[in-house]
Amino acid sequence: MAQPTTDPVRLPPGPRAPRVVQGIRFMASRRSSDGALARRYGPVFSLNLPIFGKTVLISDPALVKDLFTTGSDLVGRATNLGEVLGPGSTFSLDGEEHRQRRKMLVPPFHGKRMAGYEAIVEEEVLREIAGWPEGTEFETLPSMMRITLNAILRAVFGADGAAFDELRELLPRAVEIGSRLVVLPKFFRRDLGTHSPGGTMRRYRRRYDEIIDSLIADARNDPAFDERSDVLSLMLRARYDDGSVISDRHIADELLTLLTAGHETTATTLAWLVERVRRHPELLDRLTEEVDAGGSDLQQATIWEVQRVRPVIDGTSRRTLQRIRLGEWVIPENHVVMVSIAMAHAARDRFDDPSAFNPDRFVGAAPDNYAWIPFGGGIRRCIGAAFANMEMAVTLRTMLREFAFTPTSAAGEPYRSRGVANAPGAGGRAVVHRRSRVDLPTGPATAAALG
């Protein structure tokens, strides 16, 4: 882990272009820009960026591990997400307050509770794919968005109703605006009028708070409140070490964090999964055969590999609270250390032929927590990681059980930025045919998708 030090500052080399020029390159073509800089300077280099300021970008897994295992007294949050999600979001908290909040939020998304959520996810997948067109190419991303949003809403609130219907309409619009506001300077997040992005987001937030206040009241008034297992009820019953509760406003912020961050990134990964698998017919056959046989090892490995080669989040960051030593570098206080997820996933010393899409690399071998980091790491690792993985596994096996996917030789879809997340540029397009419930054919490429 990084250590505090009084040694002279020693920063890695980096480009000398003006901050605005570096910022334009970083925002406009981050992947190609970071790759070019890595080829010139190696896996650690300095940047000077708008919003973030002076930044050290790292991708070496050893340094990533050091950063992720460093205590909260030395490094803290370095993201604008908290400004959009609210002061009660874990993205807004540091130190002991963050540690205690995280301790309260982890249990609903781990262990035996996952089994209870699986049925919810499968129901939502079956409901959505029932309307998929056969033999016609279509975008899967909108379907994945609906599946993951409905699943997280049901897991969080435990039921359906008018309030949930309104949230289904409200949240996608709020996520679209909020994810873009996060990567813009603070000025653009202000309420500059009804039609400004900041004003629109504030209007959505007011209505969201009204809905959540109503749902909180309904939960507390439920005679079966103490037996309820939905996330909202668990949060309302949770207690800090001193016996105090999470305030209603902070609960609203945390729920918004779970609902937004917990559905878009998972949905985008699922669209990438369709995009990748369709371009590998042999893998498609093997996955189908495994589903028919009741297995899951290759499915899990495929999910991990999609997250490696198509990470939907570019990076994760920390801000130094003291001067620290990180590897051979000495980084001053109030300096951002940014981890490039894509570059870490392409490290040749950790992955053989890293540019190849090869799920077999993970069959029987779970990924390393500091080389494979789609969920971040350390004390700020995504709380919903286990839930997201379960969602992807259930969705993949259900789709393969119900449909044969037609392979394609088309070039891979390019990245399209949605602000925070990077989606397949054509929406993760697919051509499917419903499989016979009597005779479930397999190979090659599920009999050319039953053609």
Protein backbone atom coordinates (compact mmCIF):
# COMPACT_ATOMS: atom_id res chain seq x y z
CA MET A 1 0.00 0.00 0.00
CA ALA A 2 1.03 3.63 -0.43
CA GLN A 3 2.80 5.18 2.54
CA PRO A 4 2.94 8.74 3.93
CA THR A 5 6.28 10.42 3.36
CA THR A 6 8.13 13.71 3.74
CA ASP A 7 10.46 12.95 0.82
CA PRO A 8 10.63 15.48 -2.02
CA VAL A 9 7.83 15.24 -4.58
CA ARG A 10 8.75 13.02 -7.53
CA LEU A 11 6.12 12.77 -10.24
CA PRO A 12 6.26 10.59 -13.35
CA PRO A 13 6.86 12.29 -16.72
CA GLY A 14 4.00 13.28 -18.99
CA PRO A 15 2.94 15.57 -21.82
CA ARG A 16 3.68 19.29 -21.54
CA ALA A 17 0.72 20.53 -23.59
CA PRO A 18 -1.52 23.16 -21.94
CA ARG A 19 -4.22 21.87 -19.60
CA VAL A 20 -7.04 22.69 -22.01
CA VAL A 21 -5.32 20.78 -24.83
CA GLN A 22 -4.73 17.76 -22.61
CA GLY A 23 -8.34 17.95 -21.48
CA ILE A 24 -9.70 18.01 -25.02
CA ARG A 25 -7.61 14.99 -25.97
CA PHE A 26 -8.61 13.18 -22.79
CA MET A 27 -12.34 13.78 -23.29
CA ALA A 28 -12.52 13.40 -27.07
CA SER A 29 -10.48 10.22 -27.52
CA ARG A 30 -9.45 8.96 -24.11
CA ARG A 31 -8.64 5.39 -25.09
CA SER A 32 -6.42 6.25 -28.04
CA SER A 33 -4.86 9.18 -26.17
CA ASP A 34 -4.06 7.11 -23.07
CA GLY A 35 -2.71 4.30 -25.25
CA ALA A 36 -0.39 6.65 -27.10
CA LEU A 37 0.84 8.17 -23.84
CA ALA A 38 1.40 4.71 -22.34
CA ARG A 39 3.52 3.70 -25.35
CA ARG A 40 5.62 6.83 -24.83
CA TYR A 41 5.87 7.00 -21.04
CA GLY A 42 4.95 3.52 -19.80
CA PRO A 43 2.17 2.44 -17.39
CA VAL A 44 2.54 5.56 -15.18
CA PHE A 45 2.45 9.17 -16.39
CA SER A 46 1.36 12.64 -15.33
CA LEU A 47 -1.48 14.70 -16.78
CA ASN A 48 -2.91 18.16 -16.15
CA LEU A 49 -6.65 18.07 -16.75
CA PRO A 50 -9.67 20.32 -16.38
CA ILE A 51 -11.96 19.26 -13.49
CA PHE A 52 -9.39 16.79 -12.07
CA GLY A 53 -6.36 19.10 -12.06
CA LYS A 54 -2.90 17.58 -11.69
CA THR A 55 -3.26 13.85 -12.12
CA VAL A 56 -1.10 10.73 -12.10
CA LEU A 57 -2.55 7.99 -14.30
CA ILE A 58 -1.59 4.41 -13.47
CA SER A 59 -2.35 0.99 -14.94
CA ASP A 60 0.39 -1.24 -13.51
CA PRO A 61 -1.44 -3.84 -11.36
CA ALA A 62 1.19 -3.60 -8.61
CA LEU A 63 0.57 0.14 -8.25
CA VAL A 64 -3.18 -0.39 -8.57
CA LYS A 65 -3.01 -2.81 -5.65
CA ASP A 66 -0.98 -0.32 -3.61
CA LEU A 67 -3.52 2.41 -4.28
CA PHE A 68 -6.58 0.26 -3.55
CA THR A 69 -5.14 -1.02 -0.26
CA THR A 70 -4.16 2.44 0.98
CA GLY A 71 -6.10 3.67 4.01
CA SER A 72 -8.79 6.34 3.85
CA ASP A 73 -6.59 8.63 5.96
CA LEU A 74 -4.21 8.95 3.00
CA VAL A 75 -6.49 8.91 -0.04
CA GLY A 76 -10.11 9.94 -0.50
CA ARG A 77 -12.73 10.29 -3.20
CA ALA A 78 -12.00 12.14 -6.43
CA THR A 79 -15.23 12.16 -8.40
CA ASN A 80 -18.08 14.51 -9.26
CA LEU A 81 -20.66 11.75 -8.91
CA GLY A 82 -21.49 12.79 -5.38
CA GLU A 83 -22.44 16.29 -6.54
CA VAL A 84 -25.05 14.78 -8.86
CA LEU A 85 -26.26 11.96 -6.58
CA GLY A 86 -26.38 13.99 -3.37
CA PRO A 87 -24.42 14.45 -0.11
CA GLY A 88 -25.77 11.19 1.32
CA SER A 89 -24.39 9.02 -1.48
CA THR A 90 -21.36 6.85 -0.74
CA PHE A 91 -19.70 8.77 -3.59
CA SER A 92 -19.85 11.86 -1.34
CA LEU A 93 -18.48 10.26 1.83
CA ASP A 94 -14.93 9.81 3.11
CA GLY A 95 -13.14 8.30 6.05
CA GLU A 96 -15.02 6.74 8.94
CA GLU A 97 -18.38 7.97 7.68
CA HIS A 98 -17.82 6.15 4.40
CA ARG A 99 -16.60 3.00 6.16
CA GLN A 100 -19.66 2.78 8.41
CA ARG A 101 -22.11 3.51 5.58
CA ARG A 102 -20.52 0.86 3.40
CA LYS A 103 -20.71 -1.65 6.24
CA MET A 104 -24.47 -1.03 6.40
CA LEU A 105 -25.04 -1.30 2.64
CA VAL A 106 -23.03 -4.39 1.76
CA PRO A 107 -25.27 -7.10 3.37
CA PRO A 108 -28.34 -6.61 1.10
CA PHE A 109 -26.22 -7.34 -1.97
CA HIS A 110 -24.28 -10.39 -0.86
CA GLY A 111 -24.63 -13.97 0.25
CA LYS A 112 -27.93 -15.78 0.39
CA ARG A 113 -29.91 -12.73 -0.73
CA MET A 114 -28.60 -13.21 -4.28
CA ALA A 115 -30.64 -16.40 -4.66
CA GLY A 116 -33.81 -14.48 -3.87
CA TYR A 117 -33.03 -11.84 -6.47
CA GLU A 118 -32.36 -14.39 -9.23
CA ALA A 119 -36.06 -15.16 -9.70
CA ILE A 120 -36.79 -11.43 -10.09
CA VAL A 121 -34.13 -11.05 -12.78
CA GLU A 122 -35.29 -14.12 -14.71
CA GLU A 123 -38.88 -12.87 -14.66
CA GLU A 124 -37.79 -9.52 -16.07
CA VAL A 125 -35.65 -11.15 -18.77
CA LEU A 126 -38.49 -13.41 -19.89
CA ARG A 127 -40.94 -10.50 -19.90
CA GLU A 128 -38.63 -8.39 -22.06
CA ILE A 129 -37.44 -10.98 -24.57
CA ALA A 130 -40.96 -12.23 -25.19
CA GLY A 131 -41.33 -9.32 -27.58
CA TRP A 132 -38.02 -9.72 -29.41
CA PRO A 133 -38.42 -9.91 -33.21
CA GLU A 134 -37.20 -13.07 -34.92
CA GLY A 135 -34.93 -12.90 -37.96
CA THR A 136 -34.64 -9.09 -37.89
CA GLU A 137 -31.61 -7.23 -36.59
CA PHE A 138 -32.34 -5.00 -33.60
CA GLU A 139 -30.53 -3.18 -30.81
CA THR A 140 -30.36 -5.09 -27.53
CA LEU A 141 -29.21 -2.16 -25.37
CA PRO A 142 -32.73 -0.73 -24.80
CA SER A 143 -33.92 -4.18 -23.70
CA MET A 144 -30.98 -4.56 -21.33
CA MET A 145 -31.72 -1.14 -19.86
CA ARG A 146 -35.33 -2.13 -19.13
CA ILE A 147 -34.33 -5.51 -17.67
CA THR A 148 -31.74 -4.11 -15.28
CA LEU A 149 -33.84 -1.10 -14.24
CA ASN A 150 -36.91 -3.22 -13.50
CA ALA A 151 -34.81 -5.77 -11.62
CA ILE A 152 -33.09 -3.23 -9.40
CA LEU A 153 -36.38 -1.41 -8.73
CA ARG A 154 -38.00 -4.63 -7.59
CA ALA A 155 -34.99 -5.63 -5.49
CA VAL A 156 -34.85 -2.20 -3.86
CA PHE A 157 -38.56 -1.68 -3.23
CA GLY A 158 -39.96 -5.21 -3.34
CA ALA A 159 -43.12 -4.53 -5.35
CA ASP A 160 -44.72 -2.85 -8.34
CA GLY A 161 -47.19 0.00 -8.52
CA ALA A 162 -47.79 3.55 -9.77
CA ALA A 163 -44.67 4.90 -8.04
CA PHE A 164 -42.50 2.26 -9.69
CA ASP A 165 -44.03 2.97 -13.08
CA GLU A 166 -43.13 6.64 -12.68
CA LEU A 167 -39.59 5.79 -11.60
CA ARG A 168 -39.22 3.59 -14.68
CA GLU A 169 -39.92 6.67 -16.78
CA LEU A 170 -38.05 9.20 -14.66
CA LEU A 171 -34.77 7.42 -13.91
CA PRO A 172 -33.54 6.74 -17.47
CA ARG A 173 -33.95 10.43 -18.31
CA ALA A 174 -32.21 11.47 -15.10
CA VAL A 175 -29.37 9.00 -15.70
CA GLU A 176 -28.81 10.28 -19.23
CA ILE A 177 -28.51 13.87 -18.08
CA GLY A 178 -26.66 13.12 -14.85
CA SER A 179 -24.02 10.94 -16.49
CA ARG A 180 -23.12 13.82 -18.80
CA LEU A 181 -23.16 16.46 -16.06
CA VAL A 182 -20.64 14.41 -14.08
CA VAL A 183 -17.92 14.88 -16.70
CA LEU A 184 -18.58 18.61 -17.22
CA PRO A 185 -17.23 21.56 -15.21
CA LYS A 186 -19.20 22.63 -12.14
CA PHE A 187 -20.74 25.62 -13.96
CA PHE A 188 -22.85 23.31 -16.14
CA ARG A 189 -24.26 21.50 -13.09
CA ARG A 190 -25.90 24.69 -11.86
CA ASP A 191 -29.58 25.38 -12.31
CA LEU A 192 -29.43 27.92 -15.15
CA GLY A 193 -33.11 27.75 -15.94
CA THR A 194 -35.89 25.28 -16.66
CA HIS A 195 -34.37 23.97 -19.87
CA SER A 196 -30.73 23.91 -18.80
CA PRO A 197 -29.20 20.48 -18.00
CA GLY A 198 -28.73 21.48 -14.37
CA GLY A 199 -32.27 22.82 -14.13
CA THR A 200 -33.73 19.71 -15.73
CA MET A 201 -31.76 17.48 -13.37
CA ARG A 202 -32.96 19.49 -10.37
CA ARG A 203 -36.57 19.12 -11.52
CA TYR A 204 -36.17 15.36 -11.91
CA ARG A 205 -34.54 15.18 -8.49
CA ARG A 206 -37.40 17.02 -6.79
CA ARG A 207 -39.93 14.57 -8.21
CA TYR A 208 -37.69 11.61 -7.34
CA ASP A 209 -37.47 12.80 -3.72
CA GLU A 210 -41.26 13.09 -3.52
CA ILE A 211 -41.68 9.52 -4.76
CA ILE A 212 -39.05 8.15 -2.36
CA ASP A 213 -40.58 9.99 0.61
CA SER A 214 -43.89 8.33 -0.21
CA LEU A 215 -42.29 4.88 -0.51
CA ILE A 216 -40.43 5.35 2.78
CA ALA A 217 -43.67 6.23 4.53
CA ASP A 218 -45.43 3.22 2.97
CA ALA A 219 -42.65 0.89 4.14
CA ARG A 220 -42.71 2.20 7.72
CA ASN A 221 -46.48 1.86 7.85
CA ASP A 222 -46.44 -1.70 6.55
CA PRO A 223 -47.54 -4.07 9.37
CA ALA A 224 -44.98 -6.55 8.01
CA PHE A 225 -42.16 -3.97 7.96
CA ASP A 226 -39.88 -6.01 10.23
CA GLU A 227 -40.15 -9.03 7.93
CA ARG A 228 -39.62 -7.17 4.64
CA SER A 229 -36.42 -8.10 2.78
CA ASP A 230 -36.31 -5.37 0.13
CA VAL A 231 -33.28 -3.07 0.16
CA LEU A 232 -35.29 -0.01 1.23
CA SER A 233 -36.60 -1.77 4.34
CA LEU A 234 -33.15 -3.13 5.19
CA MET A 235 -31.73 0.39 4.97
CA LEU A 236 -34.51 1.81 7.13
CA ARG A 237 -33.82 -0.82 9.81
CA ALA A 238 -30.02 -0.49 9.62
CA ARG A 239 -28.12 1.09 12.50
CA TYR A 240 -24.72 2.71 12.86
CA ASP A 241 -22.40 1.51 15.61
CA ASP A 242 -23.84 4.15 17.95
CA GLY A 243 -27.43 3.01 17.28
CA SER A 244 -28.41 5.93 15.03
CA VAL A 245 -30.17 5.48 11.68
CA ILE A 246 -29.49 6.72 8.17
CA SER A 247 -31.48 9.91 7.60
CA ASP A 248 -34.30 9.78 5.06
CA ARG A 249 -32.50 12.26 2.80
CA HIS A 250 -29.35 10.16 2.83
CA ILE A 251 -31.43 7.06 2.11
CA ALA A 252 -32.86 8.85 -0.93
CA ASP A 253 -29.31 9.67 -2.10
CA GLU A 254 -28.11 6.10 -1.57
CA LEU A 255 -31.12 4.64 -3.38
CA LEU A 256 -30.50 6.98 -6.31
CA THR A 257 -26.89 5.76 -6.36
CA LEU A 258 -28.00 2.12 -6.42
CA LEU A 259 -30.74 2.69 -8.99
CA THR A 260 -28.63 4.67 -11.44
CA ALA A 261 -25.16 3.21 -11.09
CA GLY A 262 -26.65 -0.24 -10.57
CA HIS A 263 -28.53 -0.55 -13.81
CA GLU A 264 -26.84 1.39 -16.63
CA THR A 265 -23.38 -0.15 -16.32
CA THR A 266 -24.81 -3.68 -16.09
CA ALA A 267 -27.11 -3.11 -19.06
CA THR A 268 -24.25 -1.72 -21.13
CA THR A 269 -22.07 -4.71 -20.32
CA LEU A 270 -24.87 -7.06 -21.39
CA ALA A 271 -25.14 -5.27 -24.74
CA TRP A 272 -21.37 -5.66 -25.17
CA LEU A 273 -21.74 -9.33 -24.28
CA VAL A 274 -24.17 -9.84 -27.16
CA GLU A 275 -21.88 -7.85 -29.46
CA ARG A 276 -18.80 -9.95 -28.57
CA VAL A 277 -20.40 -13.41 -28.52
CA ARG A 278 -22.05 -13.00 -31.92
CA ARG A 279 -18.59 -12.50 -33.42
CA HIS A 280 -17.29 -15.81 -32.04
CA PRO A 281 -19.45 -18.66 -33.44
CA GLU A 282 -17.54 -21.49 -31.74
CA LEU A 283 -17.94 -19.81 -28.37
CA LEU A 284 -21.63 -19.29 -29.09
CA ASP A 285 -22.05 -23.02 -29.71
CA ARG A 286 -20.17 -23.93 -26.56
CA LEU A 287 -22.21 -21.53 -24.45
CA THR A 288 -25.45 -22.96 -25.81
CA GLU A 289 -24.32 -26.52 -25.17
CA GLU A 290 -23.32 -25.59 -21.63
CA VAL A 291 -26.70 -24.00 -20.92
CA ASP A 292 -28.48 -27.12 -22.19
CA ALA A 293 -26.28 -29.27 -19.93
CA GLY A 294 -26.96 -27.10 -16.89
CA GLY A 295 -23.39 -25.80 -16.56
CA SER A 296 -22.17 -22.27 -15.96
CA ASP A 297 -18.34 -22.13 -15.91
CA LEU A 298 -17.92 -20.90 -19.49
CA GLN A 299 -20.80 -18.43 -19.08
CA GLN A 300 -19.10 -16.89 -16.05
CA ALA A 301 -15.74 -16.80 -17.81
CA THR A 302 -17.37 -15.08 -20.79
CA ILE A 303 -18.90 -12.40 -18.57
CA TRP A 304 -15.52 -11.74 -16.98
CA GLU A 305 -13.79 -11.57 -20.36
CA VAL A 306 -16.37 -9.16 -21.78
CA GLN A 307 -15.79 -6.92 -18.78
CA ARG A 308 -12.04 -7.13 -19.42
CA VAL A 309 -12.02 -6.30 -23.14
CA ARG A 310 -15.00 -3.91 -23.10
CA PRO A 311 -14.99 -2.17 -19.70
CA VAL A 312 -17.87 0.28 -19.63
CA ILE A 313 -16.14 2.64 -17.17
CA ASP A 314 -12.84 4.19 -18.21
CA GLY A 315 -11.30 4.62 -14.80
CA THR A 316 -11.55 5.11 -11.08
CA SER A 317 -9.80 7.78 -9.04
CA ARG A 318 -8.53 8.78 -5.61
CA ARG A 319 -7.34 12.14 -4.28
CA THR A 320 -4.33 12.26 -1.97
CA LEU A 321 -5.04 13.66 1.49
CA GLN A 322 -1.35 13.65 2.41
CA ARG A 323 1.93 13.35 0.55
CA ILE A 324 2.38 9.66 -0.27
CA ARG A 325 4.88 7.31 -1.83
CA LEU A 326 3.36 5.12 -4.54
CA GLY A 327 5.95 2.79 -5.98
CA GLU A 328 8.95 4.90 -6.95
CA TRP A 329 6.90 8.10 -7.10
CA VAL A 330 6.19 10.67 -4.40
CA ILE A 331 2.82 12.32 -4.96
CA PRO A 332 1.87 15.54 -3.16
CA GLU A 333 -1.29 16.28 -1.20
CA ASN A 334 -4.45 17.11 -3.17
CA HIS A 335 -3.27 15.28 -6.28
CA VAL A 336 -5.52 12.91 -8.22
CA VAL A 337 -4.37 9.35 -8.87
CA MET A 338 -6.43 7.84 -11.66
CA VAL A 339 -6.52 4.15 -12.55
CA SER A 340 -7.02 3.39 -16.24
CA ILE A 341 -9.23 0.30 -16.27
CA ALA A 342 -8.79 -0.33 -20.01
CA MET A 343 -5.00 -0.08 -19.80
CA ALA A 344 -4.87 -2.34 -16.72
CA HIS A 345 -6.95 -4.92 -18.58
CA ALA A 346 -4.50 -4.82 -21.48
CA ALA A 347 -1.39 -5.44 -19.36
CA ARG A 348 0.72 -8.02 -21.19
CA ASP A 349 2.43 -9.18 -18.02
CA ARG A 350 -0.97 -10.18 -16.59
CA PHE A 351 -2.90 -11.39 -19.66
CA ASP A 352 -1.61 -13.53 -22.51
CA ASP A 353 -2.49 -11.92 -25.85
CA PRO A 354 -4.57 -9.24 -24.10
CA SER A 355 -6.14 -7.91 -27.31
CA ALA A 356 -7.78 -11.30 -28.00
CA PHE A 357 -11.29 -12.06 -26.77
CA ASN A 358 -10.67 -15.38 -25.05
CA PRO A 359 -13.04 -16.39 -22.21
CA ASP A 360 -11.07 -19.62 -21.72
CA ARG A 361 -8.43 -17.61 -19.88
CA PHE A 362 -10.89 -17.41 -16.96
CA VAL A 363 -12.36 -20.93 -17.03
CA GLY A 364 -11.46 -22.40 -13.67
CA ALA A 365 -9.37 -19.34 -12.82
CA ALA A 366 -11.07 -16.29 -11.36
CA PRO A 367 -9.52 -12.95 -12.35
CA ASP A 368 -6.99 -11.18 -10.18
CA ASN A 369 -8.58 -8.35 -8.15
CA TYR A 370 -5.88 -5.83 -9.11
CA ALA A 371 -5.45 -6.67 -12.80
CA TRP A 372 -9.18 -7.11 -13.55
CA ILE A 373 -11.00 -4.12 -12.07
CA PRO A 374 -14.31 -3.31 -13.83
CA PHE A 375 -15.88 -2.70 -10.40
CA GLY A 376 -12.98 -0.66 -9.05
CA GLY A 377 -11.32 -1.91 -5.91
CA GLY A 378 -10.48 -1.49 -2.26
CA ILE A 379 -12.86 0.23 0.12
CA ARG A 380 -14.59 1.91 -2.84
CA ARG A 381 -15.22 -1.22 -4.87
CA CYS A 382 -18.76 -1.24 -6.27
CA ILE A 383 -21.16 -2.40 -3.54
CA GLY A 384 -23.44 -3.96 -6.14
CA ALA A 385 -20.76 -6.03 -7.89
CA ALA A 386 -22.22 -9.38 -6.78
CA PHE A 387 -25.72 -8.27 -7.77
CA ALA A 388 -24.49 -7.12 -11.20
CA ASN A 389 -22.67 -10.38 -11.82
CA MET A 390 -25.76 -12.36 -10.85
CA GLU A 391 -27.90 -10.24 -13.20
CA MET A 392 -25.55 -10.85 -16.11
CA ALA A 393 -25.33 -14.59 -15.45
CA VAL A 394 -29.12 -15.02 -15.22
CA THR A 395 -29.73 -12.85 -18.29
CA LEU A 396 -27.14 -14.69 -20.41
CA ARG A 397 -28.36 -18.17 -19.56
CA THR A 398 -32.02 -17.19 -20.05
CA MET A 399 -31.33 -15.64 -23.45
CA LEU A 400 -29.36 -18.68 -24.61
CA ARG A 401 -32.03 -21.04 -23.35
CA GLU A 402 -34.81 -19.20 -25.19
CA PHE A 403 -33.08 -17.98 -28.35
CA ALA A 404 -30.47 -18.93 -30.93
CA PHE A 405 -28.30 -15.94 -31.82
CA THR A 406 -27.22 -15.59 -35.44
CA PRO A 407 -23.43 -15.08 -35.64
CA THR A 408 -22.03 -12.19 -37.64
CA SER A 409 -18.78 -11.44 -39.45
CA ALA A 410 -19.36 -7.69 -39.22
CA ALA A 411 -16.66 -5.52 -37.68
CA GLY A 412 -16.93 -4.95 -33.97
CA GLU A 413 -19.12 -2.07 -32.85
CA PRO A 414 -17.21 1.08 -31.84
CA TYR A 415 -17.43 2.70 -28.44
CA ARG A 416 -20.09 5.35 -27.89
CA SER A 417 -19.80 7.49 -24.77
CA ARG A 418 -22.95 7.94 -22.70
CA GLY A 419 -21.13 10.27 -20.31
CA VAL A 420 -20.03 7.89 -17.55
CA ALA A 421 -20.44 4.60 -19.40
CA ASN A 422 -19.20 3.47 -22.83
CA ALA A 423 -21.78 1.55 -24.86
CA PRO A 424 -21.53 -0.38 -28.14
CA GLY A 425 -21.93 2.19 -30.90
CA ALA A 426 -24.71 0.32 -32.71
CA GLY A 427 -26.53 -0.71 -29.54
CA GLY A 428 -25.32 -4.32 -29.32
CA ARG A 429 -27.27 -5.50 -32.35
CA ALA A 430 -28.60 -9.05 -32.60
CA VAL A 431 -30.53 -11.39 -34.85
CA VAL A 432 -32.36 -14.14 -32.97
CA HIS A 433 -34.67 -17.11 -33.53
CA ARG A 434 -36.70 -18.73 -30.80
CA ARG A 435 -35.50 -22.23 -29.99
CA SER A 436 -37.82 -25.22 -30.13
CA ARG A 437 -38.90 -26.39 -26.70
CA VAL A 438 -38.95 -29.98 -27.97
CA ASP A 439 -35.69 -30.17 -29.86
CA LEU A 440 -33.00 -27.75 -28.66
CA PRO A 441 -30.40 -27.78 -31.44
CA THR A 442 -26.75 -26.95 -30.90
CA GLY A 443 -23.64 -26.35 -33.09
CA PRO A 444 -22.29 -25.22 -35.36
CA ALA A 445 -23.34 -21.76 -34.22
CA THR A 446 -26.62 -23.40 -33.14
CA ALA A 447 -27.28 -24.72 -36.63
CA ALA A 448 -26.55 -21.29 -38.12
CA ALA A 449 -29.21 -19.86 -35.82
CA LEU A 450 -31.80 -22.38 -36.98
CA GLY A 451 -31.45 -21.24 -40.56
